[in-house]
Protein backbone atom coordinates (compact mmCIF):
# COMPACT_ATOMS: atom_id res chain seq x y z
CA MET A 1 -24.27 -29.04 24.56
CA LEU A 2 -20.91 -29.46 26.26
CA LEU A 3 -22.67 -30.69 29.39
CA SER A 4 -25.02 -33.07 27.61
CA GLU A 5 -22.61 -36.00 27.85
CA ASP A 6 -20.77 -35.42 31.12
CA SER A 7 -20.21 -33.02 34.00
CA LEU A 8 -17.47 -30.48 33.46
CA THR A 9 -15.57 -28.09 35.66
CA ILE A 10 -16.05 -24.38 35.15
CA ASN A 11 -12.44 -24.19 33.95
CA SER A 12 -13.11 -26.92 31.37
CA LEU A 13 -16.16 -25.04 30.16
CA ALA A 14 -14.24 -21.76 29.98
CA ASP A 15 -11.62 -23.37 27.74
CA ASN A 16 -14.29 -23.71 25.03
CA PHE A 17 -15.20 -20.02 24.85
CA ASP A 18 -13.48 -16.84 23.80
CA MET A 19 -14.22 -15.06 27.08
CA SER A 20 -12.71 -14.81 30.52
CA ARG A 21 -13.27 -17.41 33.20
CA PRO A 22 -15.17 -14.83 35.35
CA ALA A 23 -17.49 -14.16 32.39
CA VAL A 24 -18.13 -17.89 31.98
CA SER A 25 -18.75 -18.14 35.73
CA LYS A 26 -21.42 -15.42 35.46
CA HIS A 27 -23.16 -17.34 32.68
CA VAL A 28 -22.93 -20.57 34.67
CA LYS A 29 -24.46 -18.85 37.71
CA ILE A 30 -27.39 -17.62 35.59
CA LEU A 31 -27.96 -21.14 34.22
CA GLU A 32 -27.84 -22.52 37.77
CA THR A 33 -30.30 -19.91 39.06
CA ALA A 34 -32.64 -20.69 36.14
CA GLY A 35 -32.56 -24.40 37.06
CA PHE A 36 -30.81 -25.63 33.92
CA ILE A 37 -27.64 -26.85 35.62
CA SER A 38 -26.43 -27.78 39.07
CA ILE A 39 -23.00 -27.07 40.51
CA LYS A 40 -21.30 -29.47 42.91
CA ASP A 41 -18.03 -28.85 44.71
CA ARG A 42 -15.58 -31.76 44.53
CA GLY A 43 -12.37 -30.87 46.29
CA ARG A 44 -11.15 -27.62 44.82
CA GLU A 45 -13.13 -28.00 41.61
CA ARG A 46 -16.73 -27.01 40.85
CA TYR A 47 -18.51 -29.38 38.46
CA CYS A 48 -21.48 -28.35 36.34
CA THR A 49 -24.18 -30.87 35.41
CA LEU A 50 -27.30 -30.48 33.27
CA LYS A 51 -30.63 -30.74 35.09
CA LYS A 52 -33.26 -32.52 33.01
CA ASP A 53 -36.19 -31.09 34.96
CA GLY A 54 -35.19 -27.51 34.11
CA PHE A 55 -35.44 -28.31 30.42
CA GLU A 56 -38.77 -30.10 30.88
CA GLU A 57 -40.21 -26.90 32.37
CA LEU A 58 -38.81 -24.90 29.45
CA GLN A 59 -40.32 -27.37 26.97
CA ALA A 60 -43.73 -27.10 28.66
CA TRP A 61 -43.53 -23.29 28.45
CA LEU A 62 -42.55 -23.44 24.76
CA ASN A 63 -45.33 -25.95 24.01
CA TYR A 64 -47.91 -23.66 25.60
CA PHE A 65 -46.90 -20.67 23.47
CA ASP A 66 -46.49 -22.79 20.36
CA GLN A 67 -50.10 -23.93 20.69
CA PHE A 68 -51.24 -20.42 21.67
CA TRP A 69 -49.76 -18.82 18.54
CA THR A 70 -50.81 -21.68 16.28
CA THR A 71 -54.41 -21.16 17.39
CA LYS A 72 -54.20 -17.37 16.96
CA LEU A 73 -52.67 -17.67 13.49
CA ARG A 74 -55.25 -20.27 12.44
CA ASN A 75 -58.03 -17.93 13.61
CA LEU A 76 -56.47 -15.06 11.65
CA GLU A 77 -56.20 -17.25 8.55
CA ASN A 78 -59.87 -18.25 8.87
CA LEU A 79 -60.89 -14.61 9.29
CA LEU A 80 -58.89 -13.50 6.27
CA ASN A 81 -60.23 -16.35 4.17
CA SER A 82 -63.80 -15.42 5.10
CA LYS A 83 -63.19 -11.81 3.97
CA LEU A 84 -61.71 -12.71 0.58
CA PRO A 85 -64.05 -12.66 -2.40
CA ASN A 86 -64.89 -16.08 -3.79
C-alpha cells in the first residue's frame, strides 16, 4: 500500500517496518521477481514502483479459482439438497 501513491526508495520502505534493511530488500526482490513491482536506479538510490500488470494477472488467477470453487460448492449444495428427505 505504501507504493500505491508514489515510488519509494528501499530505505524509505524499510523505515516503515520493524525489520532490517537487508530483510526488506529480500522482500522487495521477491516482489520484483513476481512482477508486482519494478526497481529503477536513480543515482545512488533504488526506487520501487508498483506494476499494474502484475496485479491484473493475480486478479485473473483469483477470479478463476473463485469461480472454480463457487461452482464446486454449488454442485455440493445441490447434491446434498437432493439427498435430504423432503
